[in-house]
Amino acid sequence: MKEDNVKIQMRKGIMDYCVLAILANGDEYAPAIIDKLKGAEMIVVEGTLYPLLTRLKNAGYLTYRWEESLQGPPRKYYTLTEQGRTYLASLDEAWDTLVEQINTIRNKQ
C-alpha cells in the first residue's frame, strides 16, 4: 500500500470527528469549516465536506439555520445538537484511548 493512500484513508477516518470538534467551538458555515481544516493542514474540498455535513445532519448530530449575508447570498450555519455533543464526547474518549494504545505500541518496540 502506498504511503500517501494510507495517509488519505487516515484523514478520511477522522474527518467527522474534526468537523464536530470545530462546531463544538461555535456555529460555522461550510467555507469557514474548510478554512479551519486547511489551517490545521487537513486537506479537504467542498465536494468532501458537504456530503459529510449532510450525513451528520441526517444522523441527528447537526442542525442548521440560514442567515443573511452582507457579502452575497444567505449562509447556512451548522450547529451541534445535544446528540452531536454526546457523540463528540464519545469520540473524544475513543480518540484518547486510541492515542494511548498507539503510544503503548510505539514505545514497546
C-alpha atoms as a PDB file:
ATOM      1  CA  MET A   1       0.000   0.000   0.000  1.00  0.00           C
ATOM      2  CA  LYS A   2       1.355   3.416  -0.858  1.00  0.00           C
ATOM      3  CA  GLU A   3       2.144   5.830   1.962  1.00  0.00           C
ATOM      4  CA  ASP A   4       0.019   8.679   0.550  1.00  0.00           C
ATOM      5  CA  ASN A   5      -3.006   6.404   0.228  1.00  0.00           C
ATOM      6  CA  VAL A   6      -2.677   5.341   3.863  1.00  0.00           C
ATOM      7  CA  LYS A   7      -2.476   8.972   4.982  1.00  0.00           C
ATOM      8  CA  ILE A   8      -5.560   9.861   2.936  1.00  0.00           C
ATOM      9  CA  GLN A   9      -7.505   6.975   4.482  1.00  0.00           C
ATOM     10  CA  MET A  10      -6.447   8.038   7.986  1.00  0.00           C
ATOM     11  CA  ARG A  11      -7.668  11.613   7.364  1.00  0.00           C
ATOM     12  CA  LYS A  12     -10.970  10.370   5.937  1.00  0.00           C
ATOM     13  CA  GLY A  13     -11.469   8.241   9.030  1.00  0.00           C
ATOM     14  CA  ILE A  14     -11.280  11.204  11.386  1.00  0.00           C
ATOM     15  CA  MET A  15     -12.942  13.913   9.297  1.00  0.00           C
ATOM     16  CA  ASP A  16     -16.330  13.563  11.070  1.00  0.00           C
ATOM     17  CA  TYR A  17     -14.546  13.963  14.392  1.00  0.00           C
ATOM     18  CA  CYS A  18     -12.683  17.065  13.179  1.00  0.00           C
ATOM     19  CA  VAL A  19     -15.849  18.751  11.881  1.00  0.00           C
ATOM     20  CA  LEU A  20     -17.746  18.040  15.106  1.00  0.00           C
ATOM     21  CA  ALA A  21     -14.807  19.392  17.120  1.00  0.00           C
ATOM     22  CA  ILE A  22     -14.818  22.608  15.072  1.00  0.00           C
ATOM     23  CA  LEU A  23     -18.555  23.047  15.611  1.00  0.00           C
ATOM     24  CA  ALA A  24     -18.163  22.441  19.356  1.00  0.00           C
ATOM     25  CA  ASN A  25     -16.481  25.854  19.442  1.00  0.00           C
ATOM     26  CA  GLY A  26     -19.438  27.599  17.811  1.00  0.00           C
ATOM     27  CA  ASP A  27     -21.669  27.696  14.763  1.00  0.00           C
ATOM     28  CA  GLU A  28     -19.933  27.839  11.379  1.00  0.00           C
ATOM     29  CA  TYR A  29     -20.783  27.837   7.722  1.00  0.00           C
ATOM     30  CA  ALA A  30     -19.101  25.418   5.318  1.00  0.00           C
ATOM     31  CA  PRO A  31     -16.388  27.713   3.875  1.00  0.00           C
ATOM     32  CA  ALA A  32     -15.271  28.631   7.413  1.00  0.00           C
ATOM     33  CA  ILE A  33     -15.127  24.935   8.345  1.00  0.00           C
ATOM     34  CA  ILE A  34     -12.968  24.290   5.278  1.00  0.00           C
ATOM     35  CA  ASP A  35     -10.678  27.190   6.236  1.00  0.00           C
ATOM     36  CA  LYS A  36     -10.245  25.805   9.748  1.00  0.00           C
ATOM     37  CA  LEU A  37      -9.484  22.338   8.435  1.00  0.00           C
ATOM     38  CA  LYS A  38      -6.961  23.751   5.965  1.00  0.00           C
ATOM     39  CA  GLY A  39      -5.453  25.870   8.752  1.00  0.00           C
ATOM     40  CA  ALA A  40      -4.770  22.609  10.585  1.00  0.00           C
ATOM     41  CA  GLU A  41      -3.286  21.203   7.354  1.00  0.00           C
ATOM     42  CA  MET A  42      -6.201  18.809   6.875  1.00  0.00           C
ATOM     43  CA  ILE A  43      -6.783  18.551   3.153  1.00  0.00           C
ATOM     44  CA  VAL A  44     -10.475  18.867   2.340  1.00  0.00           C
ATOM     45  CA  VAL A  45     -12.554  20.168  -0.549  1.00  0.00           C
ATOM     46  CA  GLU A  46     -16.176  21.257  -0.745  1.00  0.00           C
ATOM     47  CA  GLY A  47     -17.081  18.049  -2.567  1.00  0.00           C
ATOM     48  CA  THR A  48     -15.976  16.103   0.510  1.00  0.00           C
ATOM     49  CA  LEU A  49     -17.371  18.404   3.187  1.00  0.00           C
ATOM     50  CA  TYR A  50     -20.958  18.882   2.009  1.00  0.00           C
ATOM     51  CA  PRO A  51     -21.871  15.160   1.916  1.00  0.00           C
ATOM     52  CA  LEU A  52     -20.231  14.764   5.334  1.00  0.00           C
ATOM     53  CA  LEU A  53     -22.310  17.650   6.758  1.00  0.00           C
ATOM     54  CA  THR A  54     -25.473  16.138   5.268  1.00  0.00           C
ATOM     55  CA  ARG A  55     -24.647  12.732   6.753  1.00  0.00           C
ATOM     56  CA  LEU A  56     -24.019  14.262  10.205  1.00  0.00           C
ATOM     57  CA  LYS A  57     -27.268  16.259   9.960  1.00  0.00           C
ATOM     58  CA  ASN A  58     -29.256  13.178   8.930  1.00  0.00           C
ATOM     59  CA  ALA A  59     -27.785  11.283  11.890  1.00  0.00           C
ATOM     60  CA  GLY A  60     -29.114  13.997  14.205  1.00  0.00           C
ATOM     61  CA  TYR A  61     -25.692  15.361  15.211  1.00  0.00           C
ATOM     62  CA  LEU A  62     -26.106  18.729  13.476  1.00  0.00           C
ATOM     63  CA  THR A  63     -28.783  21.189  12.626  1.00  0.00           C
ATOM     64  CA  TYR A  64     -28.545  24.341  10.546  1.00  0.00           C
ATOM     65  CA  ARG A  65     -30.058  27.755  10.057  1.00  0.00           C
ATOM     66  CA  TRP A  66     -29.906  30.283   7.261  1.00  0.00           C
ATOM     67  CA  GLU A  67     -28.515  33.776   7.907  1.00  0.00           C
ATOM     68  CA  GLU A  68     -28.455  36.718   5.570  1.00  0.00           C
ATOM     69  CA  SER A  69     -25.002  37.821   4.488  1.00  0.00           C
ATOM     70  CA  LEU A  70     -23.797  41.307   3.691  1.00  0.00           C
ATOM     71  CA  GLN A  71     -21.406  39.784   1.149  1.00  0.00           C
ATOM     72  CA  GLY A  72     -23.643  37.664  -1.061  1.00  0.00           C
ATOM     73  CA  PRO A  73     -26.342  35.040  -0.697  1.00  0.00           C
ATOM     74  CA  PRO A  74     -27.609  33.750   2.652  1.00  0.00           C
ATOM     75  CA  ARG A  75     -25.285  31.397   4.528  1.00  0.00           C
ATOM     76  CA  LYS A  76     -26.157  28.044   6.059  1.00  0.00           C
ATOM     77  CA  TYR A  77     -24.704  27.892   9.586  1.00  0.00           C
ATOM     78  CA  TYR A  78     -24.259  24.468  11.171  1.00  0.00           C
ATOM     79  CA  THR A  79     -24.777  23.863  14.897  1.00  0.00           C
ATOM     80  CA  LEU A  80     -24.110  20.817  17.065  1.00  0.00           C
ATOM     81  CA  THR A  81     -27.229  19.281  18.581  1.00  0.00           C
ATOM     82  CA  GLU A  82     -27.229  17.787  22.085  1.00  0.00           C
ATOM     83  CA  GLN A  83     -26.996  14.381  20.439  1.00  0.00           C
ATOM     84  CA  GLY A  84     -23.986  15.694  18.491  1.00  0.00           C
ATOM     85  CA  ARG A  85     -22.310  16.905  21.690  1.00  0.00           C
ATOM     86  CA  THR A  86     -22.835  13.486  23.277  1.00  0.00           C
ATOM     87  CA  TYR A  87     -21.440  11.780  20.188  1.00  0.00           C
ATOM     88  CA  LEU A  88     -18.442  14.129  20.171  1.00  0.00           C
ATOM     89  CA  ALA A  89     -17.756  13.333  23.831  1.00  0.00           C
ATOM     90  CA  SER A  90     -17.704   9.616  22.980  1.00  0.00           C
ATOM     91  CA  LEU A  91     -15.350  10.305  20.069  1.00  0.00           C
ATOM     92  CA  ASP A  92     -13.090  12.298  22.416  1.00  0.00           C
ATOM     93  CA  GLU A  93     -12.869   9.284  24.718  1.00  0.00           C
ATOM     94  CA  ALA A  94     -12.246   6.916  21.806  1.00  0.00           C
ATOM     95  CA  TRP A  95      -9.548   9.217  20.434  1.00  0.00           C
ATOM     96  CA  ASP A  96      -7.761   9.443  23.797  1.00  0.00           C
ATOM     97  CA  THR A  97      -7.850   5.655  24.127  1.00  0.00           C
ATOM     98  CA  LEU A  98      -6.574   5.157  20.586  1.00  0.00           C
ATOM     99  CA  VAL A  99      -3.684   7.581  21.074  1.00  0.00           C
ATOM    100  CA  GLU A 100      -2.792   5.823  24.321  1.00  0.00           C
ATOM    101  CA  GLN A 101      -2.854   2.427  22.597  1.00  0.00           C
ATOM    102  CA  ILE A 102      -0.700   3.616  19.707  1.00  0.00           C
ATOM    103  CA  ASN A 103       1.789   5.231  22.079  1.00  0.00           C
ATOM    104  CA  THR A 104       1.985   1.998  24.042  1.00  0.00           C
ATOM    105  CA  ILE A 105       2.688   0.029  20.873  1.00  0.00           C
ATOM    106  CA  ARG A 106       5.253   2.526  19.610  1.00  0.00           C
ATOM    107  CA  ASN A 107       7.101   2.700  22.940  1.00  0.00           C
ATOM    108  CA  LYS A 108       7.309  -1.082  23.322  1.00  0.00           C
ATOM    109  CA  GLN A 109       9.066  -1.677  20.004  1.00  0.00           C
END
